[in-house]
Structure formats: structure tokens, C-alpha cells
Amino acid sequence: MRIFTWLFRAALFFALFAFALNNQQEAAMRWFFGYEWRAPMVFIVLVDFAFGCAFGVFAMVPSWWRHRRVARRQVVDAEVDRGVGVPSSSMALEPLPEHPPRDGL
């Protein structure tokens, strides 16, 4: 199974590399007020992809914080219900147990 994973990764890499080689012609992005950016098309696509990834991550941050706050509150409520008491600040920030590594990652 590992060989198929590596073959898939190699095929994906070479497909993207061929895409980059085939899109080396210069392209222009026209902005407001007459500003124009000229660069190889592959760089423009790469920059757009990076901005899209960054926007997606920043859009998810408030949701992640909300879920983290709710999960932390549930842990505190469960400990109070068991009679353990309110955890100290150092106990609330203990790292989670490490999970075993997954194959291929």
C-alpha cells in the first residue's frame, strides 16, 4: 500500500511540474487605477492559491476558537461533576496524549 501512496505522490508532483513548465508564458493581472502585474502564469496561479489557502485558514479561526472554548468548558464541567474540583491553570493547559503515527504521513 505504501508503494501506491508514493506512486500517487510522484504522479501528482510530475503532473504539477508539467503544468508549471507548460505555463511559463507571461500573463498580466490588471488591478484598479491602471496598476498591472506581469509575471509567468504559474507564479500568478501559485500566489492566488496561497492567498486562497490563507483566507480559508483565517476564516476558520473564530470557529476553531469557539469549539476549543466549548470543549474546555465541558472538561471543566465534567471534572466538577466528578468531584475533582476546578482544575488549576497548569492542569488545564496540559498537552493531550500523543497519538501513534499514521502510515504515510
C-alpha atoms as a PDB file:
ATOM      1  CA  MET A   1       0.000   0.000   0.000  1.00  0.00           C
ATOM      2  CA  ARG A   2       2.896   2.339   0.718  1.00  0.00           C
ATOM      3  CA  ILE A   3       4.219   1.930  -2.802  1.00  0.00           C
ATOM      4  CA  PHE A   4       0.871   3.070  -4.230  1.00  0.00           C
ATOM      5  CA  THR A   5       0.900   6.107  -1.965  1.00  0.00           C
ATOM      6  CA  TRP A   6       4.367   7.087  -3.145  1.00  0.00           C
ATOM      7  CA  LEU A   7       3.471   6.412  -6.775  1.00  0.00           C
ATOM      8  CA  PHE A   8       0.425   8.661  -6.417  1.00  0.00           C
ATOM      9  CA  ARG A   9       2.556  11.402  -4.842  1.00  0.00           C
ATOM     10  CA  ALA A  10       5.153  11.103  -7.617  1.00  0.00           C
ATOM     11  CA  ALA A  11       2.467  11.245 -10.309  1.00  0.00           C
ATOM     12  CA  LEU A  12       0.905  14.310  -8.681  1.00  0.00           C
ATOM     13  CA  PHE A  13       4.295  16.027  -8.429  1.00  0.00           C
ATOM     14  CA  PHE A  14       5.166  15.370 -12.072  1.00  0.00           C
ATOM     15  CA  ALA A  15       1.714  16.494 -13.230  1.00  0.00           C
ATOM     16  CA  LEU A  16       2.081  19.776 -11.344  1.00  0.00           C
ATOM     17  CA  PHE A  17       5.654  20.158 -12.579  1.00  0.00           C
ATOM     18  CA  ALA A  18       4.498  19.649 -16.187  1.00  0.00           C
ATOM     19  CA  PHE A  19       1.734  22.214 -15.580  1.00  0.00           C
ATOM     20  CA  ALA A  20       4.350  24.701 -14.392  1.00  0.00           C
ATOM     21  CA  LEU A  21       6.591  24.051 -17.391  1.00  0.00           C
ATOM     22  CA  ASN A  22       3.691  24.462 -19.820  1.00  0.00           C
ATOM     23  CA  ASN A  23       2.580  27.776 -18.307  1.00  0.00           C
ATOM     24  CA  GLN A  24       5.765  29.806 -18.417  1.00  0.00           C
ATOM     25  CA  GLN A  25       4.395  32.438 -20.786  1.00  0.00           C
ATOM     26  CA  GLU A  26       3.944  35.864 -19.290  1.00  0.00           C
ATOM     27  CA  ALA A  27       0.492  36.869 -18.121  1.00  0.00           C
ATOM     28  CA  ALA A  28      -0.854  40.124 -16.729  1.00  0.00           C
ATOM     29  CA  MET A  29      -3.146  40.803 -13.805  1.00  0.00           C
ATOM     30  CA  ARG A  30      -4.862  44.152 -14.113  1.00  0.00           C
ATOM     31  CA  TRP A  31      -5.737  45.862 -10.843  1.00  0.00           C
ATOM     32  CA  PHE A  32      -7.511  49.099 -10.053  1.00  0.00           C
ATOM     33  CA  PHE A  33      -6.218  52.531 -11.120  1.00  0.00           C
ATOM     34  CA  GLY A  34      -4.258  51.146 -14.051  1.00  0.00           C
ATOM     35  CA  TYR A  35      -1.861  49.045 -11.982  1.00  0.00           C
ATOM     36  CA  GLU A  36      -0.720  45.919 -13.800  1.00  0.00           C
ATOM     37  CA  TRP A  37       1.345  42.981 -12.581  1.00  0.00           C
ATOM     38  CA  ARG A  38       3.187  40.918 -15.193  1.00  0.00           C
ATOM     39  CA  ALA A  39       4.649  37.534 -14.264  1.00  0.00           C
ATOM     40  CA  PRO A  40       4.758  33.955 -15.554  1.00  0.00           C
ATOM     41  CA  MET A  41       1.319  32.413 -15.324  1.00  0.00           C
ATOM     42  CA  VAL A  42       2.468  29.659 -12.970  1.00  0.00           C
ATOM     43  CA  PHE A  43       3.537  32.269 -10.391  1.00  0.00           C
ATOM     44  CA  ILE A  44       0.195  34.045 -10.636  1.00  0.00           C
ATOM     45  CA  VAL A  45      -1.644  30.754 -10.073  1.00  0.00           C
ATOM     46  CA  LEU A  46       0.662  29.912  -7.146  1.00  0.00           C
ATOM     47  CA  VAL A  47       0.101  33.300  -5.488  1.00  0.00           C
ATOM     48  CA  ASP A  48      -3.674  33.005  -5.954  1.00  0.00           C
ATOM     49  CA  PHE A  49      -3.609  29.524  -4.428  1.00  0.00           C
ATOM     50  CA  ALA A  50      -1.570  30.728  -1.429  1.00  0.00           C
ATOM     51  CA  PHE A  51      -3.937  33.650  -0.816  1.00  0.00           C
ATOM     52  CA  GLY A  52      -6.923  31.299  -1.055  1.00  0.00           C
ATOM     53  CA  CYS A  53      -5.398  28.915   1.487  1.00  0.00           C
ATOM     54  CA  ALA A  54      -4.561  31.766   3.860  1.00  0.00           C
ATOM     55  CA  PHE A  55      -8.077  33.201   3.542  1.00  0.00           C
ATOM     56  CA  GLY A  56      -9.605  29.791   4.288  1.00  0.00           C
ATOM     57  CA  VAL A  57      -7.473  29.330   7.402  1.00  0.00           C
ATOM     58  CA  PHE A  58      -8.211  32.829   8.703  1.00  0.00           C
ATOM     59  CA  ALA A  59     -11.923  32.322   8.029  1.00  0.00           C
ATOM     60  CA  MET A  60     -11.909  29.155  10.182  1.00  0.00           C
ATOM     61  CA  VAL A  61     -10.012  30.603  13.168  1.00  0.00           C
ATOM     62  CA  PRO A  62     -13.082  32.045  15.000  1.00  0.00           C
ATOM     63  CA  SER A  63     -14.885  28.715  14.651  1.00  0.00           C
ATOM     64  CA  TRP A  64     -11.845  26.803  15.961  1.00  0.00           C
ATOM     65  CA  TRP A  65     -11.581  29.137  18.953  1.00  0.00           C
ATOM     66  CA  ARG A  66     -15.294  28.711  19.719  1.00  0.00           C
ATOM     67  CA  HIS A  67     -15.059  24.904  19.565  1.00  0.00           C
ATOM     68  CA  ARG A  68     -11.940  24.949  21.731  1.00  0.00           C
ATOM     69  CA  ARG A  69     -13.669  27.147  24.318  1.00  0.00           C
ATOM     70  CA  VAL A  70     -16.726  24.845  24.390  1.00  0.00           C
ATOM     71  CA  ALA A  71     -14.540  21.719  24.719  1.00  0.00           C
ATOM     72  CA  ARG A  72     -12.520  23.260  27.545  1.00  0.00           C
ATOM     73  CA  ARG A  73     -15.733  24.247  29.349  1.00  0.00           C
ATOM     74  CA  GLN A  74     -17.038  20.674  29.012  1.00  0.00           C
ATOM     75  CA  VAL A  75     -13.835  19.278  30.517  1.00  0.00           C
ATOM     76  CA  VAL A  76     -14.081  21.637  33.492  1.00  0.00           C
ATOM     77  CA  ASP A  77     -17.783  20.791  34.000  1.00  0.00           C
ATOM     78  CA  ALA A  78     -17.029  17.049  33.860  1.00  0.00           C
ATOM     79  CA  GLU A  79     -14.273  17.381  36.459  1.00  0.00           C
ATOM     80  CA  VAL A  80     -16.529  19.388  38.754  1.00  0.00           C
ATOM     81  CA  ASP A  81     -19.273  16.751  38.390  1.00  0.00           C
ATOM     82  CA  ARG A  82     -16.797  14.006  39.348  1.00  0.00           C
ATOM     83  CA  GLY A  83     -15.813  15.965  42.415  1.00  0.00           C
ATOM     84  CA  VAL A  84     -12.293  16.627  41.297  1.00  0.00           C
ATOM     85  CA  GLY A  85     -12.808  20.358  41.666  1.00  0.00           C
ATOM     86  CA  VAL A  86     -11.816  23.161  39.417  1.00  0.00           C
ATOM     87  CA  PRO A  87      -8.513  22.349  37.724  1.00  0.00           C
ATOM     88  CA  SER A  88      -5.562  24.602  38.206  1.00  0.00           C
ATOM     89  CA  SER A  89      -4.380  26.677  35.280  1.00  0.00           C
ATOM     90  CA  SER A  90      -1.385  24.385  34.730  1.00  0.00           C
ATOM     91  CA  MET A  91      -3.642  21.342  34.649  1.00  0.00           C
ATOM     92  CA  ALA A  92      -5.968  22.944  32.089  1.00  0.00           C
ATOM     93  CA  LEU A  93      -3.048  23.534  29.730  1.00  0.00           C
ATOM     94  CA  GLU A  94      -1.587  20.013  29.874  1.00  0.00           C
ATOM     95  CA  PRO A  95      -0.804  18.639  26.422  1.00  0.00           C
ATOM     96  CA  LEU A  96      -3.033  15.947  25.048  1.00  0.00           C
ATOM     97  CA  PRO A  97      -1.599  12.419  24.912  1.00  0.00           C
ATOM     98  CA  GLU A  98       0.384  11.786  21.768  1.00  0.00           C
ATOM     99  CA  HIS A  99      -1.345   9.660  19.174  1.00  0.00           C
ATOM    100  CA  PRO A 100       0.553   6.909  17.350  1.00  0.00           C
ATOM    101  CA  PRO A 101       1.849   7.997  13.944  1.00  0.00           C
ATOM    102  CA  ARG A 102      -0.233   7.212  10.881  1.00  0.00           C
ATOM    103  CA  ASP A 103       1.264   5.376   7.928  1.00  0.00           C
ATOM    104  CA  GLY A 104       2.455   7.551   5.093  1.00  0.00           C
ATOM    105  CA  LEU A 105       2.342  10.903   6.842  1.00  0.00           C
END
